[in-house]
Amino acid sequence: MTTTALDLAGLFRRMTGDEKHEWAAASTLDVLWVLYDRVLDISPATVDDPDRDRFLLSKGHGPMAYYAVLAAKGFLDPATLDDWTTFASPLGQHPDRTLVSGVEIGSGSLGHGLALAVGTALGLRAQNRHKPRVYVLVGDGELDEGSNHEAIALASRLHLDRMTAIAIDNGSASHGWPGGIASRFAVEGWHATTVDGRDHDALHAALTARHDGPKAVVATIREG
């Protein structure tokens, strides 16, 4: 079954209620769709395959777009979206890896995902698994958290060339970074590029480009 962008937006809108992070979720929708539709080697049939690609949603406090994409790709029954965040629903305001098929980590507290991605990439290397790629999506605001400095430095020094960080830049960071977010990664030896976060072809090209060492893709989102 082919899902169009219009269908995906419809799945997103099925989740209603008192959710305070709708904009945070909406800013990730295009990146998540490109990842699951055109980049990641993972499907409902391979969620337990040790050689699957790993996707970690560090920006887990706004999972509406994540749930919509998982439903569009068959990981979830779309009907589950209608009752999200209600009592007994598996779909909480933070994704739970024990309740939702395809979710790799429980997340929501910002600043942990990048370090978890480094650990995941190192674990795969220790298992001598060279096929899986590790993608982690972070928000610009959470890059203010101190653990990210260590994760960024370590990934380049250990040459984690199967790891890609996607940073959603929607202008919500408190402190920012001199020269922009991409420079924060580049100064530590990452290959970093900035693209329009709504341009699917540009996102696909950046996410699949081959480079030595870890890679960072900054997806800029500006509305209005």
N, C-alpha and C. Protein backbone atom coordinates (compact mmCIF):
# COMPACT_ATOMS: atom_id res chain seq x y z
N MET A 1 0.84 -1.18 0.00
CA MET A 1 0.00 0.00 0.00
C MET A 1 0.88 1.24 0.00
N THR A 2 0.59 2.17 -0.86
CA THR A 2 1.34 3.41 -0.95
C THR A 2 0.64 4.49 -0.14
N THR A 3 1.36 5.14 0.72
CA THR A 3 0.81 6.24 1.51
C THR A 3 1.32 7.55 0.95
N THR A 4 0.42 8.47 0.66
CA THR A 4 0.80 9.78 0.16
C THR A 4 1.00 10.74 1.31
N ALA A 5 1.59 11.90 1.00
CA ALA A 5 1.78 12.92 2.03
C ALA A 5 0.43 13.36 2.60
N LEU A 6 -0.60 13.40 1.75
CA LEU A 6 -1.93 13.77 2.22
C LEU A 6 -2.46 12.74 3.20
N ASP A 7 -2.27 11.44 2.90
CA ASP A 7 -2.69 10.39 3.82
C ASP A 7 -1.97 10.51 5.16
N LEU A 8 -0.67 10.81 5.10
CA LEU A 8 0.12 10.92 6.32
C LEU A 8 -0.38 12.08 7.19
N ALA A 9 -0.70 13.19 6.55
CA ALA A 9 -1.25 14.32 7.29
C ALA A 9 -2.57 13.95 7.95
N GLY A 10 -3.37 13.14 7.27
CA GLY A 10 -4.63 12.68 7.83
C GLY A 10 -4.42 11.82 9.06
N LEU A 11 -3.41 10.94 9.03
CA LEU A 11 -3.09 10.12 10.18
C LEU A 11 -2.63 10.99 11.35
N PHE A 12 -1.86 12.01 11.05
CA PHE A 12 -1.37 12.93 12.08
C PHE A 12 -2.54 13.64 12.77
N ARG A 13 -3.52 14.06 11.97
CA ARG A 13 -4.65 14.81 12.52
C ARG A 13 -5.61 13.93 13.33
N ARG A 14 -5.49 12.61 13.20
CA ARG A 14 -6.37 11.73 13.97
C ARG A 14 -6.07 11.79 15.47
N MET A 15 -4.88 12.26 15.82
CA MET A 15 -4.51 12.36 17.22
C MET A 15 -4.91 13.73 17.75
N THR A 16 -5.89 13.76 18.61
CA THR A 16 -6.41 15.02 19.14
C THR A 16 -6.33 15.00 20.66
N GLY A 17 -6.62 16.13 21.28
CA GLY A 17 -6.61 16.20 22.73
C GLY A 17 -5.63 17.24 23.24
N ASP A 18 -5.39 17.19 24.52
CA ASP A 18 -4.56 18.20 25.18
C ASP A 18 -3.09 17.82 25.07
N GLU A 19 -2.56 17.95 23.88
CA GLU A 19 -1.15 17.64 23.63
C GLU A 19 -0.40 18.96 23.41
N LYS A 20 0.58 19.23 24.25
CA LYS A 20 1.25 20.52 24.26
C LYS A 20 2.41 20.62 23.28
N HIS A 21 2.74 19.54 22.57
CA HIS A 21 3.92 19.56 21.73
C HIS A 21 3.59 19.30 20.25
N GLU A 22 2.43 19.76 19.81
CA GLU A 22 2.04 19.48 18.43
C GLU A 22 3.00 20.11 17.43
N TRP A 23 3.45 21.33 17.68
CA TRP A 23 4.37 21.98 16.75
C TRP A 23 5.72 21.26 16.75
N ALA A 24 6.17 20.82 17.91
CA ALA A 24 7.42 20.07 17.97
C ALA A 24 7.32 18.81 17.12
N ALA A 25 6.14 18.17 17.15
CA ALA A 25 5.94 16.97 16.35
C ALA A 25 5.83 17.30 14.86
N ALA A 26 5.07 18.33 14.54
CA ALA A 26 4.85 18.68 13.13
C ALA A 26 6.16 19.03 12.43
N SER A 27 7.10 19.59 13.16
CA SER A 27 8.38 19.97 12.55
C SER A 27 9.23 18.77 12.16
N THR A 28 8.87 17.59 12.67
CA THR A 28 9.64 16.38 12.35
C THR A 28 8.99 15.52 11.27
N LEU A 29 7.78 15.86 10.85
CA LEU A 29 6.99 14.96 10.01
C LEU A 29 7.69 14.61 8.70
N ASP A 30 8.23 15.60 8.01
CA ASP A 30 8.85 15.34 6.71
C ASP A 30 10.12 14.51 6.85
N VAL A 31 10.93 14.82 7.86
CA VAL A 31 12.16 14.05 8.07
C VAL A 31 11.84 12.60 8.37
N LEU A 32 10.88 12.38 9.25
CA LEU A 32 10.50 11.01 9.60
C LEU A 32 9.96 10.25 8.39
N TRP A 33 9.17 10.91 7.57
CA TRP A 33 8.62 10.24 6.40
C TRP A 33 9.72 9.83 5.43
N VAL A 34 10.66 10.74 5.15
CA VAL A 34 11.76 10.41 4.24
C VAL A 34 12.58 9.25 4.79
N LEU A 35 12.84 9.27 6.09
CA LEU A 35 13.60 8.18 6.69
C LEU A 35 12.91 6.83 6.50
N TYR A 36 11.65 6.75 6.86
CA TYR A 36 10.95 5.46 6.81
C TYR A 36 10.51 5.07 5.42
N ASP A 37 10.33 6.03 4.54
CA ASP A 37 9.88 5.71 3.19
C ASP A 37 11.02 5.46 2.22
N ARG A 38 12.19 6.09 2.47
CA ARG A 38 13.23 6.06 1.46
C ARG A 38 14.63 5.71 1.97
N VAL A 39 14.82 5.64 3.28
CA VAL A 39 16.18 5.49 3.80
C VAL A 39 16.35 4.24 4.66
N LEU A 40 15.57 4.10 5.70
CA LEU A 40 15.78 3.04 6.68
C LEU A 40 15.50 1.65 6.12
N ASP A 41 16.37 0.72 6.46
CA ASP A 41 16.16 -0.69 6.13
C ASP A 41 15.52 -1.36 7.34
N ILE A 42 14.21 -1.14 7.48
CA ILE A 42 13.45 -1.75 8.57
C ILE A 42 11.99 -1.79 8.15
N SER A 43 11.29 -2.82 8.58
CA SER A 43 9.88 -3.00 8.26
C SER A 43 9.22 -3.72 9.43
N PRO A 44 7.89 -3.81 9.43
CA PRO A 44 7.23 -4.57 10.51
C PRO A 44 7.73 -6.01 10.61
N ALA A 45 8.19 -6.56 9.50
CA ALA A 45 8.66 -7.95 9.52
C ALA A 45 10.08 -8.09 10.04
N THR A 46 10.81 -6.99 10.15
CA THR A 46 12.23 -7.09 10.53
C THR A 46 12.55 -6.33 11.81
N VAL A 47 11.54 -6.04 12.64
CA VAL A 47 11.79 -5.24 13.84
C VAL A 47 12.72 -5.94 14.83
N ASP A 48 12.86 -7.26 14.71
CA ASP A 48 13.76 -7.99 15.60
C ASP A 48 15.00 -8.51 14.89
N ASP A 49 15.18 -8.14 13.63
CA ASP A 49 16.35 -8.57 12.87
C ASP A 49 17.59 -7.84 13.41
N PRO A 50 18.60 -8.54 13.87
CA PRO A 50 19.77 -7.86 14.42
C PRO A 50 20.52 -6.99 13.40
N ASP A 51 20.27 -7.23 12.11
CA ASP A 51 20.94 -6.43 11.08
C ASP A 51 20.05 -5.30 10.54
N ARG A 52 18.95 -4.99 11.23
CA ARG A 52 18.10 -3.88 10.81
C ARG A 52 18.80 -2.55 11.09
N ASP A 53 18.40 -1.51 10.37
CA ASP A 53 18.83 -0.17 10.74
C ASP A 53 18.14 0.23 12.04
N ARG A 54 18.80 1.09 12.80
CA ARG A 54 18.22 1.59 14.05
C ARG A 54 17.86 3.06 13.91
N PHE A 55 16.64 3.40 14.31
CA PHE A 55 16.25 4.81 14.39
C PHE A 55 15.88 5.14 15.83
N LEU A 56 16.51 6.17 16.37
CA LEU A 56 16.26 6.60 17.74
C LEU A 56 15.66 8.00 17.73
N LEU A 57 14.48 8.13 18.32
CA LEU A 57 13.83 9.43 18.42
C LEU A 57 14.21 10.05 19.75
N SER A 58 15.24 10.89 19.74
CA SER A 58 15.61 11.59 20.97
C SER A 58 14.58 12.67 21.30
N LYS A 59 14.01 13.27 20.26
CA LYS A 59 12.99 14.32 20.43
C LYS A 59 11.64 13.65 20.75
N GLY A 60 11.65 12.89 21.85
CA GLY A 60 10.52 12.02 22.14
C GLY A 60 9.37 12.65 22.88
N HIS A 61 9.46 13.96 23.20
CA HIS A 61 8.37 14.61 23.90
C HIS A 61 7.26 15.05 22.95
N GLY A 62 7.47 14.89 21.66
CA GLY A 62 6.44 15.21 20.67
C GLY A 62 6.32 14.09 19.66
N PRO A 63 5.75 12.93 20.05
CA PRO A 63 5.81 11.75 19.19
C PRO A 63 4.67 11.61 18.18
N MET A 64 3.81 12.62 18.04
CA MET A 64 2.65 12.46 17.16
C MET A 64 3.05 12.08 15.73
N ALA A 65 4.05 12.77 15.19
CA ALA A 65 4.49 12.49 13.82
C ALA A 65 5.08 11.09 13.73
N TYR A 66 5.81 10.69 14.75
CA TYR A 66 6.41 9.36 14.80
C TYR A 66 5.34 8.29 14.74
N TYR A 67 4.30 8.43 15.55
CA TYR A 67 3.21 7.47 15.53
C TYR A 67 2.51 7.43 14.18
N ALA A 68 2.30 8.60 13.58
CA ALA A 68 1.63 8.65 12.27
C ALA A 68 2.44 7.90 11.22
N VAL A 69 3.75 8.09 11.21
CA VAL A 69 4.60 7.41 10.24
C VAL A 69 4.63 5.91 10.51
N LEU A 70 4.73 5.51 11.76
CA LEU A 70 4.71 4.08 12.08
C LEU A 70 3.39 3.44 11.64
N ALA A 71 2.29 4.15 11.80
CA ALA A 71 1.00 3.63 11.35
C ALA A 71 0.96 3.55 9.83
N ALA A 72 1.49 4.55 9.15
CA ALA A 72 1.49 4.56 7.69
C ALA A 72 2.31 3.41 7.12
N LYS A 73 3.34 2.99 7.86
CA LYS A 73 4.24 1.94 7.39
C LYS A 73 3.90 0.56 7.94
N GLY A 74 2.78 0.44 8.63
CA GLY A 74 2.30 -0.88 9.04
C GLY A 74 2.79 -1.37 10.38
N PHE A 75 3.54 -0.55 11.13
CA PHE A 75 3.99 -0.96 12.46
C PHE A 75 2.84 -0.89 13.47
N LEU A 76 1.90 0.01 13.20
CA LEU A 76 0.77 0.23 14.09
C LEU A 76 -0.54 0.12 13.31
N ASP A 77 -1.59 -0.31 13.99
CA ASP A 77 -2.94 -0.23 13.44
C ASP A 77 -3.37 1.24 13.48
N PRO A 78 -3.72 1.86 12.34
CA PRO A 78 -4.11 3.27 12.36
C PRO A 78 -5.21 3.59 13.37
N ALA A 79 -6.07 2.62 13.67
CA ALA A 79 -7.15 2.87 14.63
C ALA A 79 -6.60 3.20 16.01
N THR A 80 -5.37 2.73 16.29
CA THR A 80 -4.76 3.00 17.59
C THR A 80 -4.54 4.50 17.80
N LEU A 81 -4.38 5.24 16.71
CA LEU A 81 -4.11 6.67 16.81
C LEU A 81 -5.28 7.42 17.44
N ASP A 82 -6.50 6.93 17.23
CA ASP A 82 -7.68 7.65 17.69
C ASP A 82 -7.76 7.76 19.20
N ASP A 83 -7.14 6.83 19.90
CA ASP A 83 -7.22 6.82 21.37
C ASP A 83 -5.89 7.14 22.03
N TRP A 84 -4.99 7.76 21.29
CA TRP A 84 -3.65 7.98 21.83
C TRP A 84 -3.71 8.80 23.12
N THR A 85 -2.82 8.50 24.03
CA THR A 85 -2.64 9.13 25.34
C THR A 85 -3.79 8.86 26.31
N THR A 86 -4.80 8.08 25.90
CA THR A 86 -5.87 7.74 26.82
C THR A 86 -5.43 6.55 27.69
N PHE A 87 -6.16 6.32 28.77
CA PHE A 87 -5.83 5.22 29.66
C PHE A 87 -5.85 3.90 28.89
N ALA A 88 -4.84 3.10 29.07
CA ALA A 88 -4.68 1.79 28.43
C ALA A 88 -4.21 1.86 26.98
N SER A 89 -4.06 3.06 26.41
CA SER A 89 -3.49 3.15 25.06
C SER A 89 -1.98 2.93 25.12
N PRO A 90 -1.41 2.20 24.15
CA PRO A 90 0.05 2.04 24.13
C PRO A 90 0.78 3.31 23.69
N LEU A 91 0.03 4.27 23.15
CA LEU A 91 0.64 5.47 22.59
C LEU A 91 0.59 6.60 23.60
N GLY A 92 1.67 6.75 24.35
CA GLY A 92 1.74 7.81 25.34
C GLY A 92 2.35 9.08 24.76
N GLN A 93 2.44 10.10 25.59
CA GLN A 93 3.05 11.36 25.15
C GLN A 93 4.57 11.24 25.03
N HIS A 94 5.12 10.12 25.49
CA HIS A 94 6.50 9.73 25.20
C HIS A 94 6.43 8.30 24.67
N PRO A 95 7.14 7.98 23.58
CA PRO A 95 7.09 6.61 23.05
C PRO A 95 7.75 5.61 23.99
N ASP A 96 7.16 4.43 24.08
CA ASP A 96 7.64 3.38 24.97
C ASP A 96 8.02 2.17 24.13
N ARG A 97 9.29 1.78 24.15
CA ARG A 97 9.77 0.68 23.31
C ARG A 97 9.14 -0.66 23.67
N THR A 98 8.63 -0.79 24.88
CA THR A 98 8.00 -2.06 25.27
C THR A 98 6.55 -2.15 24.85
N LEU A 99 5.97 -1.05 24.38
CA LEU A 99 4.55 -1.03 24.02
C LEU A 99 4.29 -0.80 22.54
N VAL A 100 5.24 -0.21 21.83
CA VAL A 100 5.01 0.19 20.45
C VAL A 100 6.00 -0.51 19.53
N SER A 101 5.50 -1.31 18.60
CA SER A 101 6.36 -2.03 17.66
C SER A 101 7.19 -1.07 16.83
N GLY A 102 8.47 -1.35 16.73
CA GLY A 102 9.35 -0.52 15.92
C GLY A 102 10.09 0.55 16.69
N VAL A 103 9.65 0.85 17.90
CA VAL A 103 10.32 1.88 18.70
C VAL A 103 11.56 1.27 19.37
N GLU A 104 12.71 1.91 19.18
CA GLU A 104 13.97 1.37 19.69
C GLU A 104 14.26 1.79 21.13
N ILE A 105 13.86 3.01 21.50
CA ILE A 105 14.15 3.51 22.85
C ILE A 105 12.93 4.22 23.41
N GLY A 106 12.77 4.15 24.73
CA GLY A 106 11.83 5.03 25.40
C GLY A 106 12.48 6.39 25.54
N SER A 107 11.80 7.45 25.13
CA SER A 107 12.44 8.77 25.16
C SER A 107 11.42 9.84 25.54
N GLY A 108 11.91 11.03 25.76
CA GLY A 108 11.07 12.12 26.18
C GLY A 108 11.88 13.14 26.96
N SER A 109 12.69 12.66 27.90
CA SER A 109 13.61 13.55 28.60
C SER A 109 14.73 13.94 27.64
N LEU A 110 14.80 15.20 27.30
CA LEU A 110 15.71 15.62 26.23
C LEU A 110 17.17 15.51 26.63
N GLY A 111 18.00 15.28 25.62
CA GLY A 111 19.44 15.29 25.83
C GLY A 111 20.08 13.92 25.95
N HIS A 112 19.28 12.84 25.86
CA HIS A 112 19.84 11.51 26.03
C HIS A 112 20.06 10.76 24.71
N GLY A 113 19.30 11.08 23.68
CA GLY A 113 19.28 10.27 22.46
C GLY A 113 20.60 10.20 21.73
N LEU A 114 21.33 11.30 21.67
CA LEU A 114 22.59 11.30 20.93
C LEU A 114 23.60 10.37 21.60
N ALA A 115 23.67 10.40 22.92
CA ALA A 115 24.57 9.49 23.63
C ALA A 115 24.12 8.04 23.47
N LEU A 116 22.81 7.79 23.48
CA LEU A 116 22.31 6.44 23.25
C LEU A 116 22.66 5.95 21.85
N ALA A 117 22.62 6.85 20.87
CA ALA A 117 22.98 6.47 19.51
C ALA A 117 24.45 6.09 19.42
N VAL A 118 25.31 6.83 20.12
CA VAL A 118 26.73 6.49 20.15
C VAL A 118 26.91 5.10 20.76
N GLY A 119 26.22 4.84 21.86
CA GLY A 119 26.31 3.53 22.48
C GLY A 119 25.78 2.42 21.58
N THR A 120 24.70 2.69 20.85
CA THR A 120 24.14 1.70 19.93
C THR A 120 25.13 1.38 18.82
N ALA A 121 25.73 2.42 18.24
CA ALA A 121 26.71 2.21 17.17
C ALA A 121 27.92 1.43 17.69
N LEU A 122 28.35 1.73 18.90
CA LEU A 122 29.48 1.00 19.48
C LEU A 122 29.11 -0.46 19.75
N GLY A 123 27.88 -0.68 20.22
CA GLY A 123 27.44 -2.04 20.48
C GLY A 123 27.40 -2.88 19.21
N LEU A 124 26.91 -2.28 18.13
CA LEU A 124 26.87 -2.99 16.85
C LEU A 124 28.29 -3.31 16.37
N ARG A 125 29.21 -2.36 16.56
CA ARG A 125 30.60 -2.60 16.17
C ARG A 125 31.18 -3.75 16.98
N ALA A 126 30.89 -3.77 18.29
CA ALA A 126 31.41 -4.83 19.15
C ALA A 126 30.87 -6.20 18.75
N GLN A 127 29.67 -6.23 18.18
CA GLN A 127 29.07 -7.47 17.71
C GLN A 127 29.52 -7.83 16.29
N ASN A 128 30.40 -6.98 15.75
CA ASN A 128 30.91 -7.19 14.39
C ASN A 128 29.79 -7.12 13.35
N ARG A 129 28.83 -6.24 13.62
CA ARG A 129 27.73 -6.03 12.67
C ARG A 129 27.99 -4.71 11.94
N HIS A 130 28.30 -4.81 10.66
CA HIS A 130 28.68 -3.64 9.88
C HIS A 130 27.60 -3.20 8.90
N LYS A 131 26.51 -3.92 8.84
CA LYS A 131 25.42 -3.55 7.93
C LYS A 131 24.49 -2.49 8.52
N PRO A 132 24.07 -2.61 9.78
CA PRO A 132 23.11 -1.65 10.31
C PRO A 132 23.67 -0.23 10.37
N ARG A 133 22.80 0.70 10.07
CA ARG A 133 23.11 2.12 10.26
C ARG A 133 22.30 2.62 11.45
N VAL A 134 22.81 3.65 12.11
CA VAL A 134 22.14 4.22 13.27
C VAL A 134 21.80 5.67 12.96
N TYR A 135 20.51 5.99 13.03
CA TYR A 135 20.03 7.36 12.83
C TYR A 135 19.38 7.83 14.12
N VAL A 136 19.67 9.07 14.52
CA VAL A 136 19.05 9.63 15.71
C VAL A 136 18.55 11.03 15.38
N LEU A 137 17.32 11.32 15.79
CA LEU A 137 16.72 12.63 15.52
C LEU A 137 16.68 13.42 16.82
N VAL A 138 17.30 14.59 16.79
CA VAL A 138 17.34 15.47 17.97
C VAL A 138 16.73 16.82 17.62
N GLY A 139 16.32 17.54 18.65
CA GLY A 139 15.83 18.90 18.45
C GLY A 139 16.92 19.92 18.72
N ASP A 140 16.75 21.12 18.16
CA ASP A 140 17.78 22.14 18.38
C ASP A 140 17.87 22.54 19.85
N GLY A 141 16.73 22.58 20.55
CA GLY A 141 16.75 22.97 21.95
C GLY A 141 17.50 21.99 22.83
N GLU A 142 17.38 20.70 22.54
CA GLU A 142 18.04 19.72 23.41
C GLU A 142 19.55 19.68 23.21
N LEU A 143 20.05 20.30 22.16
CA LEU A 143 21.49 20.36 21.98
C LEU A 143 22.14 21.26 23.02
N ASP A 144 21.32 22.01 23.77
CA ASP A 144 21.87 22.78 24.89
C ASP A 144 22.27 21.88 26.05
N GLU A 145 21.76 20.65 26.07
CA GLU A 145 22.07 19.73 27.17
C GLU A 145 23.53 19.27 27.08
N GLY A 146 24.21 19.22 28.23
CA GLY A 146 25.65 19.00 28.25
C GLY A 146 26.11 17.65 27.74
N SER A 147 25.28 16.60 27.90
CA SER A 147 25.72 15.28 27.46
C SER A 147 25.97 15.21 25.97
N ASN A 148 25.33 16.10 25.21
CA ASN A 148 25.53 16.10 23.77
C ASN A 148 26.95 16.49 23.37
N HIS A 149 27.58 17.36 24.14
CA HIS A 149 28.97 17.75 23.85
C HIS A 149 29.87 16.51 23.86
N GLU A 150 29.69 15.68 24.87
CA GLU A 150 30.52 14.48 24.98
C GLU A 150 30.21 13.49 23.87
N ALA A 151 28.93 13.32 23.53
CA ALA A 151 28.55 12.38 22.49
C ALA A 151 29.09 12.81 21.13
N ILE A 152 29.00 14.10 20.84
CA ILE A 152 29.50 14.61 19.57
C ILE A 152 31.01 14.40 19.47
N ALA A 153 31.72 14.69 20.53
CA ALA A 153 33.18 14.53 20.52
C ALA A 153 33.56 13.06 20.38
N LEU A 154 32.89 12.19 21.12
CA LEU A 154 33.25 10.78 21.12
C LEU A 154 32.98 10.11 19.78
N ALA A 155 31.85 10.44 19.15
CA ALA A 155 31.48 9.79 17.89
C ALA A 155 32.53 10.00 16.82
N SER A 156 33.08 11.21 16.74
CA SER A 156 34.09 11.47 15.71
C SER A 156 35.42 10.81 16.05
N ARG A 157 35.78 10.83 17.33
CA ARG A 157 37.06 10.24 17.72
C ARG A 157 37.07 8.72 17.56
N LEU A 158 35.90 8.11 17.66
CA LEU A 158 35.79 6.66 17.46
C LEU A 158 35.40 6.30 16.03
N HIS A 159 35.29 7.33 15.20
CA HIS A 159 35.05 7.15 13.76
C HIS A 159 33.79 6.29 13.52
N LEU A 160 32.67 6.73 14.07
CA LEU A 160 31.42 5.99 13.93
C LEU A 160 30.75 6.36 12.60
N ASP A 161 31.27 5.75 11.53
CA ASP A 161 30.83 6.16 10.20
C ASP A 161 29.49 5.55 9.79
N ARG A 162 28.86 4.76 10.66
CA ARG A 162 27.52 4.24 10.38
C ARG A 162 26.46 5.02 11.14
N MET A 163 26.85 6.16 11.70
CA MET A 163 25.95 6.94 12.54
C MET A 163 25.62 8.28 11.89
N THR A 164 24.33 8.63 11.92
CA THR A 164 23.87 9.92 11.41
C THR A 164 22.96 10.58 12.43
N ALA A 165 23.25 11.82 12.75
CA ALA A 165 22.38 12.63 13.60
C ALA A 165 21.59 13.59 12.73
N ILE A 166 20.29 13.67 12.95
CA ILE A 166 19.45 14.64 12.27
C ILE A 166 18.97 15.64 13.30
N ALA A 167 19.32 16.90 13.13
CA ALA A 167 18.92 17.94 14.06
C ALA A 167 17.83 18.79 13.43
N ILE A 168 16.66 18.84 14.09
CA ILE A 168 15.58 19.68 13.62
C ILE A 168 15.80 21.09 14.14
N ASP A 169 16.04 22.02 13.24
CA ASP A 169 16.28 23.42 13.62
C ASP A 169 15.01 24.22 13.35
N ASN A 170 14.16 24.33 14.39
CA ASN A 170 12.95 25.15 14.24
C ASN A 170 13.04 26.44 15.05
N GLY A 171 14.25 26.82 15.37
CA GLY A 171 14.47 28.11 16.03
C GLY A 171 14.06 28.13 17.49
N SER A 172 14.09 26.98 18.16
CA SER A 172 13.63 26.93 19.55
C SER A 172 14.76 26.82 20.56
N ALA A 173 16.00 26.80 20.10
CA ALA A 173 17.12 26.68 21.04
C ALA A 173 17.29 27.97 21.84
N SER A 174 17.64 27.82 23.11
CA SER A 174 17.84 28.98 23.97
C SER A 174 19.18 29.66 23.70
N HIS A 175 20.21 28.86 23.41
CA HIS A 175 21.56 29.40 23.30
C HIS A 175 22.09 29.43 21.87
N GLY A 176 21.75 28.44 21.09
CA GLY A 176 22.28 28.40 19.73
C GLY A 176 23.75 28.02 19.70
N TRP A 177 24.35 28.22 18.54
CA TRP A 177 25.75 27.86 18.37
C TRP A 177 26.38 28.80 17.35
N PRO A 178 27.56 29.36 17.62
CA PRO A 178 28.19 30.27 16.66
C PRO A 178 28.35 29.63 15.29
N GLY A 179 27.84 30.27 14.27
CA GLY A 179 27.93 29.74 12.92
C GLY A 179 26.83 28.77 12.56
N GLY A 180 25.92 28.49 13.49
CA GLY A 180 24.82 27.58 13.21
C GLY A 180 25.07 26.18 13.75
N ILE A 181 24.01 25.38 13.78
CA ILE A 181 24.09 24.04 14.37
C ILE A 181 25.10 23.16 13.66
N ALA A 182 25.16 23.24 12.33
CA ALA A 182 26.08 22.37 11.59
C ALA A 182 27.52 22.57 12.05
N SER A 183 27.88 23.79 12.39
CA SER A 183 29.26 24.06 12.81
C SER A 183 29.57 23.38 14.14
N ARG A 184 28.56 23.17 14.96
CA ARG A 184 28.78 22.50 16.24
C ARG A 184 29.29 21.08 16.03
N PHE A 185 28.78 20.41 15.00
CA PHE A 185 29.24 19.07 14.66
C PHE A 185 30.54 19.12 13.86
N ALA A 186 30.62 20.04 12.92
CA ALA A 186 31.79 20.09 12.03
C ALA A 186 33.08 20.35 12.79
N VAL A 187 33.02 21.17 13.83
CA VAL A 187 34.23 21.49 14.58
C VAL A 187 34.80 20.27 15.27
N GLU A 188 33.97 19.24 15.47
CA GLU A 188 34.43 18.00 16.08
C GLU A 188 34.73 16.91 15.06
N GLY A 189 34.71 17.27 13.78
CA GLY A 189 35.12 16.31 12.76
C GLY A 189 33.99 15.57 12.07
N TRP A 190 32.75 15.92 12.37
CA TRP A 190 31.62 15.33 11.66
C TRP A 190 31.49 15.95 10.27
N HIS A 191 30.93 15.20 9.33
CA HIS A 191 30.51 15.82 8.07
C HIS A 191 29.11 16.37 8.31
N ALA A 192 28.97 17.67 8.21
CA ALA A 192 27.70 18.32 8.55
C ALA A 192 27.17 19.13 7.38
N THR A 193 25.86 19.02 7.16
CA THR A 193 25.22 19.77 6.09
C THR A 193 23.87 20.28 6.58
N THR A 194 23.41 21.37 6.00
CA THR A 194 22.13 21.98 6.35
C THR A 194 21.22 21.98 5.13
N VAL A 195 19.99 21.49 5.32
CA VAL A 195 19.04 21.41 4.21
C VAL A 195 17.68 21.93 4.66
N ASP A 196 16.83 22.21 3.68
CA ASP A 196 15.44 22.57 3.95
C ASP A 196 14.72 21.35 4.50
N GLY A 197 14.19 21.46 5.70
CA GLY A 197 13.57 20.33 6.36
C GLY A 197 12.24 19.90 5.78
N ARG A 198 11.75 20.59 4.77
CA ARG A 198 10.52 20.20 4.07
C ARG A 198 10.80 19.67 2.66
N ASP A 199 12.06 19.73 2.23
CA ASP A 199 12.44 19.30 0.88
C ASP A 199 12.83 17.82 0.92
N HIS A 200 11.95 16.95 0.46
CA HIS A 200 12.18 15.52 0.59
C HIS A 200 13.39 15.04 -0.21
N ASP A 201 13.59 15.57 -1.40
CA ASP A 201 14.73 15.14 -2.20
C ASP A 201 16.05 15.58 -1.57
N ALA A 202 16.07 16.80 -1.04
CA ALA A 202 17.29 17.29 -0.39
C ALA A 202 17.58 16.49 0.88
N LEU A 203 16.54 16.17 1.62
CA LEU A 203 16.72 15.35 2.82
C LEU A 203 17.26 13.97 2.45
N HIS A 204 16.68 13.36 1.43
CA HIS A 204 17.11 12.02 1.02
C HIS A 204 18.57 12.02 0.59
N ALA A 205 18.95 13.02 -0.19
CA ALA A 205 20.33 13.09 -0.66
C ALA A 205 21.30 13.25 0.52
N ALA A 206 20.95 14.10 1.48
CA ALA A 206 21.83 14.33 2.63
C ALA A 206 21.90 13.10 3.53
N LEU A 207 20.78 12.42 3.71
CA LEU A 207 20.73 11.28 4.62
C LEU A 207 21.41 10.04 4.07
N THR A 208 21.55 9.96 2.76
CA THR A 208 22.14 8.77 2.15
C THR A 208 23.54 9.00 1.60
N ALA A 209 24.05 10.23 1.70
CA ALA A 209 25.40 10.52 1.20
C ALA A 209 26.43 9.75 2.02
N ARG A 210 27.47 9.29 1.38
CA ARG A 210 28.52 8.52 2.05
C ARG A 210 29.70 9.43 2.39
N HIS A 211 30.14 9.34 3.63
CA HIS A 211 31.28 10.12 4.10
C HIS A 211 32.04 9.30 5.14
N ASP A 212 33.30 9.62 5.32
CA ASP A 212 34.07 9.03 6.41
C ASP A 212 33.63 9.67 7.72
N GLY A 213 33.51 8.87 8.76
CA GLY A 213 33.14 9.39 10.07
C GLY A 213 31.65 9.63 10.19
N PRO A 214 31.20 10.10 11.36
CA PRO A 214 29.77 10.35 11.57
C PRO A 214 29.27 11.53 10.75
N LYS A 215 27.97 11.57 10.56
CA LYS A 215 27.36 12.57 9.68
C LYS A 215 26.23 13.26 10.44
N ALA A 216 26.11 14.57 10.23
CA ALA A 216 25.02 15.35 10.82
C ALA A 216 24.26 16.06 9.71
N VAL A 217 22.95 15.96 9.76
CA VAL A 217 22.07 16.66 8.81
C VAL A 217 21.19 17.60 9.62
N VAL A 218 21.33 18.89 9.37
CA VAL A 218 20.51 19.88 10.05
C VAL A 218 19.33 20.20 9.14
N ALA A 219 18.11 19.91 9.61
CA ALA A 219 16.90 20.14 8.83
C ALA A 219 16.24 21.42 9.35
N THR A 220 16.31 22.46 8.55
CA THR A 220 15.79 23.76 8.96
C THR A 220 14.30 23.85 8.68
N ILE A 221 13.52 24.19 9.69
CA ILE A 221 12.08 24.32 9.57
C ILE A 221 11.69 25.74 9.97
N ARG A 222 11.09 26.46 9.06
CA ARG A 222 10.59 27.80 9.37
C ARG A 222 9.16 27.91 8.82
N GLU A 223 8.24 28.28 9.66
CA GLU A 223 6.85 28.44 9.25
C GLU A 223 6.45 29.91 9.39
N GLY A 224 5.53 30.33 8.52
CA GLY A 224 5.00 31.66 8.62
C GLY A 224 5.93 32.72 8.05
